[in-house]
């Protein structure tokens, strides 16, 4: 995303009203006709016309409909915006253009809204509550940073280069030249390292990485009651592949202790209980 330029917006600038005519009106009508759950903020007339001219051959110029579904009450763009702000060490008044053109949000409007919700301080810097949102949605940040994306006007798919990550990371090699997990001491980074080991079918190191991420989260005063659910999902998937159903049961039970209403965890737990019933002699603690 570093190729995007930055722009500043005045506090009183609003693009969310229904355009009355021109390219902005046509673009608004397109989003409405295609049943977007929320209409993205429409850019100025010149950029709206550019989008209309190119969208037939290059649908990626449109804000994807997937991006306009809210996640726990927040727009995807809000979460990405909070992540971007978390990387700043001082208050700023210029924002990346991708917030408008890729995620369909008006940065200055969202700044004010997120301040009211307690995610930002009145000086524009992120609060602990805002950082928690970023941690809990690490997968969205990973997707945002994905170097390869394919999209139509509705959906986005991602291609990650996870597999080579640990292979190229010298810190993950021991003196004997073998890959051995070494914690980065960062919750999000250890999850990414775990995913790379997992992609290489190195499940032992992947488990160590995910467990490290979980330990770091539980030691963090912000995350201790809500560790990233992705950690439990990945561990459950690995244990299932290894047919270590007791360990899968344990990790899903742990996940539900934090997220008792999570449907995915409940369904997985139900399925693995059935597997254990059908295969009662499985001894999966040996390895």
Protein backbone atom coordinates (compact mmCIF):
# COMPACT_ATOMS: atom_id res chain seq x y z
CA UNK A 1 0.00 0.00 0.00
CA UNK A 2 3.03 2.31 0.19
CA UNK A 3 2.45 3.45 -3.38
CA UNK A 4 -0.59 5.48 -2.39
CA UNK A 5 -0.19 9.22 -1.95
CA UNK A 6 -1.56 11.12 1.00
CA UNK A 7 -4.25 13.76 1.14
CA UNK A 8 -5.69 16.07 3.76
CA UNK A 9 -9.36 16.67 4.45
CA UNK A 10 -11.02 19.56 6.17
CA UNK A 11 -13.13 18.68 9.19
CA UNK A 12 -16.26 20.09 7.60
CA UNK A 13 -15.80 18.23 4.30
CA UNK A 14 -18.45 15.57 3.76
CA UNK A 15 -18.82 13.27 0.78
CA UNK A 16 -21.44 10.97 2.27
CA UNK A 17 -24.51 12.93 1.13
CA UNK A 18 -26.38 11.63 -1.92
CA UNK A 19 -24.89 13.28 -5.04
CA UNK A 20 -27.48 15.14 -7.10
CA UNK A 21 -25.95 14.75 -10.56
CA UNK A 22 -22.93 13.87 -12.68
CA UNK A 23 -20.43 11.04 -12.31
CA UNK A 24 -20.73 11.04 -8.53
CA UNK A 25 -24.47 10.40 -8.83
CA UNK A 26 -23.91 7.55 -11.34
CA UNK A 27 -21.32 5.91 -9.11
CA UNK A 28 -23.64 6.21 -6.11
CA UNK A 29 -26.45 4.59 -8.12
CA UNK A 30 -24.13 1.74 -9.17
CA UNK A 31 -23.31 0.91 -5.54
CA UNK A 32 -26.97 1.14 -4.56
CA UNK A 33 -28.16 -1.04 -7.47
CA UNK A 34 -25.59 -3.69 -6.56
CA UNK A 35 -26.94 -3.93 -3.02
CA UNK A 36 -23.97 -2.66 -1.06
CA UNK A 37 -24.84 -2.89 2.65
CA UNK A 38 -23.52 0.66 3.00
CA UNK A 39 -22.71 3.07 0.21
CA UNK A 40 -19.00 3.92 0.11
CA UNK A 41 -18.05 7.58 0.36
CA UNK A 42 -18.08 8.91 -3.20
CA UNK A 43 -14.91 10.78 -4.29
CA UNK A 44 -14.88 14.07 -6.18
CA UNK A 45 -16.34 14.39 -9.69
CA UNK A 46 -13.05 13.84 -11.53
CA UNK A 47 -12.16 10.66 -9.64
CA UNK A 48 -15.73 9.37 -9.82
CA UNK A 49 -15.61 9.72 -13.62
CA UNK A 50 -12.25 7.92 -13.71
CA UNK A 51 -13.78 5.01 -11.77
CA UNK A 52 -16.78 4.84 -14.12
CA UNK A 53 -14.50 4.86 -17.17
CA UNK A 54 -12.31 2.04 -15.90
CA UNK A 55 -14.57 -0.22 -13.87
CA UNK A 56 -15.68 -2.45 -16.78
CA UNK A 57 -12.11 -3.57 -17.52
CA UNK A 58 -10.62 -2.95 -14.06
CA UNK A 59 -13.25 -3.71 -11.40
CA UNK A 60 -10.61 -3.25 -8.71
CA UNK A 61 -11.10 0.53 -9.02
CA UNK A 62 -14.43 0.06 -7.22
CA UNK A 63 -14.72 -0.33 -3.47
CA UNK A 64 -15.45 -4.08 -3.02
CA UNK A 65 -18.87 -4.85 -1.59
CA UNK A 66 -17.21 -7.19 0.93
CA UNK A 67 -15.49 -4.18 2.46
CA UNK A 68 -18.76 -2.47 3.32
CA UNK A 69 -19.99 -5.15 5.71
CA UNK A 70 -19.38 -4.16 9.30
CA UNK A 71 -17.28 -6.29 11.64
CA UNK A 72 -18.50 -6.05 15.22
CA UNK A 73 -19.99 -2.67 14.39
CA UNK A 74 -16.88 -1.30 12.67
CA UNK A 75 -16.18 -0.81 8.99
CA UNK A 76 -13.17 -2.68 7.65
CA UNK A 77 -11.71 0.70 6.76
CA UNK A 78 -11.99 1.78 10.41
CA UNK A 79 -9.85 -1.16 11.49
CA UNK A 80 -7.22 -0.51 8.82
CA UNK A 81 -7.27 3.20 9.72
CA UNK A 82 -6.68 2.39 13.41
CA UNK A 83 -3.76 0.15 12.43
CA UNK A 84 -2.28 2.96 10.32
CA UNK A 85 -2.68 5.46 13.16
CA UNK A 86 -1.07 3.00 15.61
CA UNK A 87 2.12 3.21 13.54
CA UNK A 88 2.34 7.00 13.86
CA UNK A 89 4.28 8.53 16.73
CA UNK A 90 2.60 11.92 16.46
CA UNK A 91 -0.73 13.40 15.48
CA UNK A 92 -1.23 13.75 11.70
CA UNK A 93 -3.70 15.54 9.45
CA UNK A 94 -2.87 13.78 6.18
CA UNK A 95 -4.16 10.29 5.49
CA UNK A 96 -3.54 7.55 2.89
CA UNK A 97 -5.75 7.77 -0.18
CA UNK A 98 -6.55 4.06 0.00
CA UNK A 99 -8.90 4.80 2.89
CA UNK A 100 -11.21 6.57 0.45
CA UNK A 101 -10.59 4.67 -2.79
CA UNK A 102 -10.17 1.11 -1.45
CA UNK A 103 -12.23 1.14 1.74
CA UNK A 104 -14.78 3.84 0.96
CA UNK A 105 -14.38 5.92 4.11
CA UNK A 106 -13.82 9.62 4.73
CA UNK A 107 -10.79 9.85 7.00
CA UNK A 108 -11.67 13.06 8.83
CA UNK A 109 -15.25 11.94 9.47
CA UNK A 110 -14.05 8.58 10.80
CA UNK A 111 -11.42 10.28 12.98
CA UNK A 112 -14.17 12.18 14.78
CA UNK A 113 -16.36 9.07 15.07
CA UNK A 114 -13.57 6.86 16.41
CA UNK A 115 -12.62 9.53 18.93
CA UNK A 116 -16.21 9.47 20.25
CA UNK A 117 -16.06 5.66 20.48
CA UNK A 118 -12.89 5.86 22.57
CA UNK A 119 -10.53 4.38 19.98
CA UNK A 120 -8.60 7.63 19.55
CA UNK A 121 -7.52 10.36 21.93
CA UNK A 122 -8.50 13.96 21.29
CA UNK A 123 -5.01 14.56 19.85
CA UNK A 124 -5.61 11.86 17.21
CA UNK A 125 -3.36 9.17 18.69
CA UNK A 126 -4.63 5.67 19.34
CA UNK A 127 -5.89 4.54 22.75
CA UNK A 128 -5.49 1.13 24.41
CA UNK A 129 -9.07 0.38 23.34
CA UNK A 130 -8.11 1.14 19.74
CA UNK A 131 -4.99 -1.04 19.93
CA UNK A 132 -7.13 -3.89 21.19
CA UNK A 133 -9.31 -3.64 18.08
CA UNK A 134 -6.19 -3.85 15.89
CA UNK A 135 -4.91 -6.92 17.78
CA UNK A 136 -8.27 -8.67 17.62
CA UNK A 137 -8.44 -8.15 13.86
CA UNK A 138 -4.89 -9.11 12.89
CA UNK A 139 -6.21 -11.13 9.94
CA UNK A 140 -7.72 -8.00 8.38
CA UNK A 141 -4.39 -6.20 8.71
CA UNK A 142 -2.66 -9.19 7.15
CA UNK A 143 -5.09 -9.06 4.23
CA UNK A 144 -4.57 -5.31 3.89
CA UNK A 145 -0.80 -5.79 3.63
CA UNK A 146 -1.11 -8.68 1.19
CA UNK A 147 1.06 -7.87 -1.85
CA UNK A 148 -1.20 -9.83 -4.20
CA UNK A 149 -4.94 -9.27 -4.43
CA UNK A 150 -7.58 -10.12 -6.97
CA UNK A 151 -10.98 -8.52 -6.85
CA UNK A 152 -14.22 -7.96 -8.66
CA UNK A 153 -16.75 -5.37 -7.59
CA UNK A 154 -18.10 -7.73 -4.95
CA UNK A 155 -15.40 -9.92 -3.46
CA UNK A 156 -11.68 -9.84 -2.70
CA UNK A 157 -9.35 -12.83 -2.61
CA UNK A 158 -5.78 -12.71 -1.31
CA UNK A 159 -2.56 -14.50 -2.10
CA UNK A 160 0.05 -14.45 0.65
CA UNK A 161 3.75 -15.14 0.44
CA UNK A 162 3.75 -16.75 3.89
CA UNK A 163 5.53 -19.90 2.85
CA UNK A 164 8.95 -18.35 2.28
CA UNK A 165 8.78 -16.09 5.31
CA UNK A 166 10.57 -18.32 7.83
CA UNK A 167 12.79 -19.86 5.16
CA UNK A 168 14.29 -16.42 4.53
CA UNK A 169 14.36 -15.33 8.19
CA UNK A 170 17.83 -16.02 9.62
CA UNK A 171 16.58 -15.51 13.18
CA UNK A 172 14.49 -18.70 12.86
CA UNK A 173 17.53 -20.93 12.30
CA UNK A 174 19.50 -22.56 15.11
CA UNK A 175 23.27 -23.04 15.08
CA UNK A 176 22.91 -26.49 13.54
CA UNK A 177 21.15 -24.93 10.55
CA UNK A 178 17.71 -26.29 11.40
CA UNK A 179 14.57 -24.22 11.62
CA UNK A 180 13.63 -23.59 15.25
CA UNK A 181 10.95 -21.14 16.28
CA UNK A 182 12.17 -17.99 17.98
CA UNK A 183 9.61 -15.56 19.35
CA UNK A 184 9.51 -12.01 18.05
CA UNK A 185 7.87 -10.96 21.35
CA UNK A 186 4.99 -9.52 19.33
CA UNK A 187 1.51 -11.08 19.28
CA UNK A 188 0.75 -10.32 15.64
CA UNK A 189 4.24 -11.18 14.37
CA UNK A 190 4.35 -14.55 16.15
CA UNK A 191 1.03 -15.45 14.53
CA UNK A 192 2.50 -14.59 11.12
CA UNK A 193 5.57 -16.71 11.86
CA UNK A 194 3.30 -19.55 12.93
CA UNK A 195 1.36 -19.28 9.69
CA UNK A 196 4.58 -19.50 7.70
CA UNK A 197 5.69 -22.64 9.55
CA UNK A 198 2.21 -24.05 9.01
CA UNK A 199 2.38 -23.38 5.28
CA UNK A 200 5.63 -25.35 5.22
CA UNK A 201 3.92 -28.25 7.05
CA UNK A 202 6.27 -27.68 9.99
CA UNK A 203 3.52 -28.17 12.54
CA UNK A 204 5.79 -28.51 15.58
CA UNK A 205 7.25 -25.03 15.09
CA UNK A 206 3.87 -23.64 14.05
CA UNK A 207 2.34 -24.80 17.33
CA UNK A 208 5.21 -23.22 19.27
CA UNK A 209 4.68 -19.93 17.43
CA UNK A 210 0.91 -19.85 17.98
CA UNK A 211 1.34 -20.83 21.62
CA UNK A 212 3.89 -18.05 22.03
CA UNK A 213 1.43 -15.57 20.51
CA UNK A 214 -1.24 -16.79 22.93
CA UNK A 215 1.09 -16.46 25.93
CA UNK A 216 2.02 -12.93 24.88
CA UNK A 217 -1.65 -12.02 24.51
CA UNK A 218 -2.54 -13.44 27.92
CA UNK A 219 0.30 -11.44 29.50
CA UNK A 220 -0.90 -8.24 27.83
CA UNK A 221 -3.26 -6.18 30.04
CA UNK A 222 -5.23 -5.13 26.96
CA UNK A 223 -5.61 -8.59 25.40
CA UNK A 224 -5.64 -10.90 28.41
CA UNK A 225 -9.42 -11.35 28.38
CA UNK A 226 -9.79 -11.42 24.59
CA UNK A 227 -6.76 -13.09 22.96
CA UNK A 228 -6.94 -13.13 19.14
CA UNK A 229 -9.40 -15.90 18.17
CA UNK A 230 -7.32 -16.71 15.08
CA UNK A 231 -4.73 -18.36 17.36
CA UNK A 232 -7.25 -20.94 18.58
CA UNK A 233 -8.55 -21.52 15.05
CA UNK A 234 -5.09 -22.27 13.65
CA UNK A 235 -4.15 -24.56 16.55
CA UNK A 236 -7.42 -26.47 16.20
CA UNK A 237 -6.84 -26.92 12.47
CA UNK A 238 -3.31 -28.23 13.02
CA UNK A 239 -4.35 -30.68 15.72
CA UNK A 240 -7.20 -31.87 13.50
CA UNK A 241 -4.80 -32.51 10.61
CA UNK A 242 -2.58 -34.48 12.98
CA UNK A 243 -5.64 -36.38 14.27
CA UNK A 244 -4.77 -35.21 17.78
CA UNK A 245 -8.39 -34.88 18.73
CA UNK A 246 -7.88 -34.58 22.48
CA UNK A 247 -5.59 -31.62 21.96
CA UNK A 248 -8.09 -30.16 19.52
CA UNK A 249 -10.78 -30.56 22.19
CA UNK A 250 -8.57 -28.81 24.72
CA UNK A 251 -7.80 -25.82 22.52
CA UNK A 252 -11.44 -25.40 21.46
CA UNK A 253 -12.57 -25.57 25.08
CA UNK A 254 -9.99 -22.91 25.91
CA UNK A 255 -11.23 -20.79 23.02
CA UNK A 256 -14.83 -21.05 24.23
CA UNK A 257 -13.79 -19.96 27.71
CA UNK A 258 -12.96 -16.60 26.13
CA UNK A 259 -15.60 -16.60 23.38
CA UNK A 260 -18.56 -18.65 24.71
CA UNK A 261 -20.91 -17.50 21.93
CA UNK A 262 -18.54 -18.15 19.02
CA UNK A 263 -20.44 -20.34 16.55
CA UNK A 264 -17.31 -21.55 14.71
CA UNK A 265 -15.72 -22.84 17.90
CA UNK A 266 -18.97 -24.48 19.01
CA UNK A 267 -19.37 -26.27 15.67
CA UNK A 268 -15.77 -27.45 15.64
CA UNK A 269 -16.08 -28.74 19.20
CA UNK A 270 -19.24 -30.67 18.33
CA UNK A 271 -17.56 -32.29 15.32
CA UNK A 272 -14.43 -33.31 17.18
CA UNK A 273 -16.50 -34.80 20.01
CA UNK A 274 -18.23 -36.99 17.44
CA UNK A 275 -14.86 -38.05 16.06
CA UNK A 276 -13.67 -39.01 19.53
CA UNK A 277 -16.87 -40.99 20.07
CA UNK A 278 -16.29 -42.87 16.80
CA UNK A 279 -12.57 -43.37 17.52
CA UNK A 280 -12.37 -43.81 21.31
CA UNK A 281 -8.97 -45.53 21.20
CA UNK A 282 -7.16 -42.61 19.59
CA UNK A 283 -4.04 -41.95 21.67
CA UNK A 284 -3.01 -38.55 20.43
CA UNK A 285 -0.88 -37.44 23.35
CA UNK A 286 2.06 -39.60 22.28
CA UNK A 287 3.34 -37.08 19.74
